[in-house]
């Protein structure tokens, strides 16, 4: 029982590391399906406080309070705030792969003076695939592909990441993730481009954002287990815009930081 709960809490820490990314990068982070042991039902709930940039490339930030709830079933289905709704075809603890549906929160122009005249990017549903491979309890890699972002609903992105974590004593676990995000032209144009009408309204220069590497990121976490079912987590993430995302006139600063504090309870 103790070993199972440790595995769950390890995964919870990695999961919260990925929570930072969707909120600010307008894409979905790695899928983490450890709310329950393989082949069984289970869930987790909690709350997270996030300090994130107002939008990708913004030099100002905002604070959000986010309720968390996730559940997965023994038959492979899962649903929740962190992973969306989907199905895992994997049948072993080492491998997860499948399909899911997530929500992209878009971007509101009122969020920053720099965005005035750019118009809103509406919320949209994204369909995607995921792949996770765990070499052992400490090292793993992940890949997610999402499609449907932006006002055109044709924005696509791919997130590739490597994860490492290590136990320190009986209650403490720490780790880090390294990753990169690639985006197609529709996604880059929606979130970093400035067309002729937007340039006239915002007084920013026209800019065509092309497909390519959108950003790289590194995150580190510390997880403290309070008991067999609950834990506290702290995650710090640093994202660096690249390519046309970095060169966009919307970008005020290329490197931004995110801080997440969370409490989780498994049931």
Protein backbone atom coordinates (compact mmCIF):
# COMPACT_ATOMS: atom_id res chain seq x y z
CA UNK A 1 0.00 0.00 0.00
CA UNK A 2 2.77 2.42 0.91
CA UNK A 3 4.60 1.73 -2.36
CA UNK A 4 1.45 2.38 -4.38
CA UNK A 5 0.78 5.68 -2.67
CA UNK A 6 4.37 6.79 -3.22
CA UNK A 7 4.02 6.07 -6.94
CA UNK A 8 0.79 8.07 -7.05
CA UNK A 9 2.32 11.05 -5.29
CA UNK A 10 5.39 10.99 -7.51
CA UNK A 11 3.15 11.19 -10.52
CA UNK A 12 1.07 13.92 -8.91
CA UNK A 13 4.17 16.08 -8.65
CA UNK A 14 4.96 15.59 -12.32
CA UNK A 15 1.33 16.24 -13.19
CA UNK A 16 1.34 19.61 -11.47
CA UNK A 17 4.54 20.49 -13.28
CA UNK A 18 2.63 20.06 -16.50
CA UNK A 19 -0.28 22.18 -15.26
CA UNK A 20 1.83 25.31 -15.63
CA UNK A 21 2.22 24.82 -19.34
CA UNK A 22 -1.32 24.60 -20.69
CA UNK A 23 -2.39 27.73 -18.83
CA UNK A 24 0.30 29.90 -20.37
CA UNK A 25 1.37 28.18 -23.56
CA UNK A 26 -2.14 27.56 -24.93
CA UNK A 27 -1.38 23.86 -25.31
CA UNK A 28 -1.87 20.76 -23.25
CA UNK A 29 0.93 19.29 -21.21
CA UNK A 30 1.93 15.66 -20.67
CA UNK A 31 -0.79 13.21 -19.65
CA UNK A 32 -0.21 11.72 -16.19
CA UNK A 33 -2.48 8.76 -15.42
CA UNK A 34 -1.61 7.87 -11.86
CA UNK A 35 -4.72 8.82 -9.94
CA UNK A 36 -5.14 5.06 -9.43
CA UNK A 37 -3.09 1.90 -9.77
CA UNK A 38 -3.18 0.21 -13.20
CA UNK A 39 -6.32 -1.88 -13.57
CA UNK A 40 -8.27 -0.15 -10.81
CA UNK A 41 -10.58 2.85 -10.31
CA UNK A 42 -9.44 5.92 -8.39
CA UNK A 43 -9.17 9.67 -8.30
CA UNK A 44 -7.54 12.72 -6.79
CA UNK A 45 -8.78 16.13 -5.79
CA UNK A 46 -7.19 19.28 -4.43
CA UNK A 47 -6.45 22.91 -5.11
CA UNK A 48 -3.60 24.78 -6.80
CA UNK A 49 -2.45 28.41 -6.71
CA UNK A 50 -0.70 29.51 -9.91
CA UNK A 51 1.34 32.61 -10.67
CA UNK A 52 1.53 32.79 -14.48
CA UNK A 53 2.23 35.42 -17.17
CA UNK A 54 -0.82 37.34 -18.43
CA UNK A 55 -0.14 35.75 -21.83
CA UNK A 56 2.79 34.10 -23.55
CA UNK A 57 5.59 36.64 -23.76
CA UNK A 58 4.04 39.07 -21.24
CA UNK A 59 6.21 40.73 -18.62
CA UNK A 60 3.29 40.99 -16.20
CA UNK A 61 1.69 38.09 -14.37
CA UNK A 62 -1.55 37.08 -12.64
CA UNK A 63 -2.54 34.69 -9.85
CA UNK A 64 -5.14 31.97 -10.27
CA UNK A 65 -6.82 29.62 -7.80
CA UNK A 66 -7.64 26.36 -9.59
CA UNK A 67 -9.71 23.49 -8.15
CA UNK A 68 -8.41 20.08 -9.13
CA UNK A 69 -10.24 16.82 -9.67
CA UNK A 70 -9.28 13.84 -11.78
CA UNK A 71 -10.59 10.31 -12.04
CA UNK A 72 -9.62 7.25 -14.02
CA UNK A 73 -11.36 3.94 -14.53
CA UNK A 74 -9.92 0.45 -14.74
CA UNK A 75 -11.21 0.09 -18.31
CA UNK A 76 -8.88 2.88 -19.58
CA UNK A 77 -11.18 5.92 -19.54
CA UNK A 78 -10.15 9.06 -17.63
CA UNK A 79 -11.60 12.53 -17.04
CA UNK A 80 -10.58 15.63 -15.11
CA UNK A 81 -9.09 19.09 -14.96
CA UNK A 82 -5.49 17.99 -15.52
CA UNK A 83 -5.78 15.51 -18.38
CA UNK A 84 -9.10 16.28 -20.09
CA UNK A 85 -11.31 13.39 -21.21
CA UNK A 86 -9.77 10.44 -22.99
CA UNK A 87 -8.88 6.80 -23.24
CA UNK A 88 -5.60 5.05 -22.41
CA UNK A 89 -4.85 1.99 -24.56
CA UNK A 90 -1.80 1.09 -22.47
CA UNK A 91 -2.07 -1.93 -20.18
CA UNK A 92 1.26 -1.75 -18.31
CA UNK A 93 2.60 0.72 -15.71
CA UNK A 94 5.51 1.54 -18.05
CA UNK A 95 3.48 2.62 -21.08
CA UNK A 96 0.54 5.00 -21.59
CA UNK A 97 -0.79 5.91 -25.03
CA UNK A 98 -4.16 7.02 -26.31
CA UNK A 99 -6.47 9.82 -27.37
CA UNK A 100 -8.06 12.68 -25.45
CA UNK A 101 -10.18 15.82 -25.71
CA UNK A 102 -9.05 18.98 -23.92
CA UNK A 103 -10.04 22.66 -23.70
CA UNK A 104 -7.91 25.53 -24.97
CA UNK A 105 -8.72 28.71 -23.03
CA UNK A 106 -7.75 31.08 -25.82
CA UNK A 107 -6.67 34.66 -25.03
CA UNK A 108 -8.56 37.85 -24.11
CA UNK A 109 -7.24 41.16 -25.44
CA UNK A 110 -8.26 42.93 -22.21
CA UNK A 111 -5.61 40.90 -20.40
CA UNK A 112 -2.87 43.35 -21.40
CA UNK A 113 -2.46 46.78 -23.00
CA UNK A 114 -0.15 45.18 -25.56
CA UNK A 115 -3.06 43.03 -26.77
CA UNK A 116 -5.50 45.94 -27.30
CA UNK A 117 -6.71 45.85 -30.88
CA UNK A 118 -5.66 42.25 -31.40
CA UNK A 119 -9.12 40.83 -30.71
CA UNK A 120 -9.94 37.79 -28.62
CA UNK A 121 -8.83 34.26 -29.36
CA UNK A 122 -11.88 32.21 -28.45
CA UNK A 123 -11.94 29.10 -26.32
CA UNK A 124 -11.87 25.88 -28.32
CA UNK A 125 -11.85 22.12 -27.96
CA UNK A 126 -8.69 20.27 -28.95
CA UNK A 127 -8.37 16.64 -29.91
CA UNK A 128 -5.03 14.99 -29.37
CA UNK A 129 -2.89 11.95 -28.75
CA UNK A 130 -0.42 11.11 -25.99
CA UNK A 131 2.48 8.76 -25.36
CA UNK A 132 4.32 8.20 -22.07
CA UNK A 133 7.18 5.77 -21.49
CA UNK A 134 8.56 5.19 -17.97
CA UNK A 135 12.02 3.65 -18.05
CA UNK A 136 11.78 3.13 -14.28
CA UNK A 137 10.25 4.88 -11.26
CA UNK A 138 12.64 7.85 -11.68
CA UNK A 139 13.01 8.53 -15.43
CA UNK A 140 10.42 8.93 -18.18
CA UNK A 141 9.63 10.64 -21.48
CA UNK A 142 6.37 12.00 -22.85
CA UNK A 143 4.86 13.31 -26.07
CA UNK A 144 1.51 14.98 -26.71
CA UNK A 145 0.00 16.26 -29.95
CA UNK A 146 -3.01 18.62 -29.93
CA UNK A 147 -5.15 19.99 -32.76
CA UNK A 148 -7.96 22.60 -32.80
CA UNK A 149 -6.53 25.74 -31.17
CA UNK A 150 -7.13 29.33 -32.23
CA UNK A 151 -9.96 31.10 -34.03
CA UNK A 152 -9.33 28.95 -37.10
CA UNK A 153 -9.55 25.75 -34.99
CA UNK A 154 -6.63 24.42 -37.02
CA UNK A 155 -3.79 25.24 -34.65
CA UNK A 156 -1.65 22.23 -33.75
CA UNK A 157 1.22 21.73 -31.33
CA UNK A 158 3.52 18.95 -30.17
CA UNK A 159 5.06 18.81 -26.70
CA UNK A 160 8.08 16.54 -26.09
CA UNK A 161 9.53 16.25 -22.58
CA UNK A 162 11.85 14.21 -20.37
CA UNK A 163 11.19 13.78 -16.64
CA UNK A 164 13.40 12.85 -13.69
CA UNK A 165 12.52 12.48 -10.00
CA UNK A 166 14.25 11.19 -6.87
CA UNK A 167 13.23 10.35 -3.31
CA UNK A 168 14.91 12.33 -0.53
CA UNK A 169 14.19 10.79 2.86
CA UNK A 170 10.81 9.31 3.81
CA UNK A 171 8.48 12.16 2.84
CA UNK A 172 10.28 14.31 0.30
CA UNK A 173 10.58 13.86 -3.45
CA UNK A 174 12.17 16.23 -5.95
CA UNK A 175 12.60 16.25 -9.70
CA UNK A 176 12.84 18.18 -12.94
CA UNK A 177 11.48 18.20 -16.49
CA UNK A 178 12.98 19.42 -19.76
CA UNK A 179 10.80 19.97 -22.79
CA UNK A 180 10.13 21.68 -26.09
CA UNK A 181 6.97 22.75 -27.94
CA UNK A 182 6.60 22.82 -31.72
CA UNK A 183 3.61 24.55 -33.36
CA UNK A 184 2.17 24.71 -36.87
CA UNK A 185 1.60 27.96 -38.75
CA UNK A 186 -2.07 28.28 -37.78
CA UNK A 187 -1.21 28.13 -34.10
CA UNK A 188 1.74 30.52 -34.42
CA UNK A 189 -0.27 32.98 -36.52
CA UNK A 190 -3.17 33.01 -34.05
CA UNK A 191 -1.07 33.57 -30.92
CA UNK A 192 2.00 35.45 -32.21
CA UNK A 193 1.12 36.90 -35.62
CA UNK A 194 -0.23 40.39 -36.40
CA UNK A 195 -2.30 40.72 -39.58
CA UNK A 196 -3.14 43.97 -41.43
CA UNK A 197 -6.39 44.62 -39.54
CA UNK A 198 -4.80 43.92 -36.16
CA UNK A 199 -1.85 46.17 -37.03
CA UNK A 200 -4.24 49.04 -37.88
CA UNK A 201 -6.13 48.62 -34.61
CA UNK A 202 -3.20 47.99 -32.30
CA UNK A 203 -0.54 50.17 -33.99
CA UNK A 204 1.83 47.18 -33.91
CA UNK A 205 3.77 46.25 -37.06
CA UNK A 206 2.44 43.44 -39.22
CA UNK A 207 4.12 40.14 -38.46
CA UNK A 208 3.81 36.70 -40.03
CA UNK A 209 4.60 33.97 -37.52
CA UNK A 210 5.69 30.75 -39.19
CA UNK A 211 5.64 27.15 -38.04
CA UNK A 212 8.53 25.85 -35.96
CA UNK A 213 9.94 25.65 -32.46
CA UNK A 214 7.73 27.75 -30.21
CA UNK A 215 9.42 27.38 -26.85
CA UNK A 216 11.66 25.30 -24.61
CA UNK A 217 11.10 24.91 -20.90
CA UNK A 218 12.58 23.53 -17.70
CA UNK A 219 10.68 22.93 -14.47
CA UNK A 220 11.58 21.67 -11.02
CA UNK A 221 9.33 20.39 -8.26
CA UNK A 222 9.39 19.42 -4.59
CA UNK A 223 6.70 17.12 -3.20
CA UNK A 224 6.10 16.49 0.52
CA UNK A 225 3.79 13.63 1.54
CA UNK A 226 1.61 14.50 4.52
CA UNK A 227 0.21 10.96 4.82
CA UNK A 228 -0.65 8.01 2.56
CA UNK A 229 -3.32 9.99 0.71
CA UNK A 230 -2.31 13.66 0.69
CA UNK A 231 0.68 15.77 -0.32
CA UNK A 232 1.93 19.33 -0.81
CA UNK A 233 3.75 20.32 -4.00
CA UNK A 234 5.76 23.32 -5.16
CA UNK A 235 6.70 23.72 -8.82
CA UNK A 236 8.83 26.40 -10.48
CA UNK A 237 8.94 26.53 -14.28
CA UNK A 238 10.89 28.70 -16.71
CA UNK A 239 9.84 28.99 -20.36
CA UNK A 240 11.91 30.48 -23.16
CA UNK A 241 10.20 31.51 -26.40
CA UNK A 242 12.02 30.68 -29.63
CA UNK A 243 11.85 31.41 -33.34
CA UNK A 244 9.03 33.64 -34.54
CA UNK A 245 7.32 33.43 -31.15
CA UNK A 246 10.34 35.23 -29.67
CA UNK A 247 10.49 37.75 -32.55
CA UNK A 248 6.79 38.64 -32.44
CA UNK A 249 5.91 42.29 -31.63
CA UNK A 250 3.48 40.88 -29.07
CA UNK A 251 6.36 39.42 -27.07
CA UNK A 252 7.52 41.74 -24.31
CA UNK A 253 9.98 39.29 -22.76
CA UNK A 254 11.24 35.97 -24.12
CA UNK A 255 11.75 34.20 -20.80
CA UNK A 256 8.85 33.92 -18.37
CA UNK A 257 8.40 32.04 -15.10
CA UNK A 258 5.55 30.18 -13.46
CA UNK A 259 5.12 29.16 -9.82
CA UNK A 260 2.57 26.60 -8.65
CA UNK A 261 1.69 25.54 -5.12
CA UNK A 262 -0.75 22.63 -4.68
CA UNK A 263 -2.42 20.31 -2.18
CA UNK A 264 -3.77 16.96 -3.39
CA UNK A 265 -5.78 14.14 -1.86
CA UNK A 266 -6.22 10.65 -3.35
CA UNK A 267 -9.48 8.75 -2.99
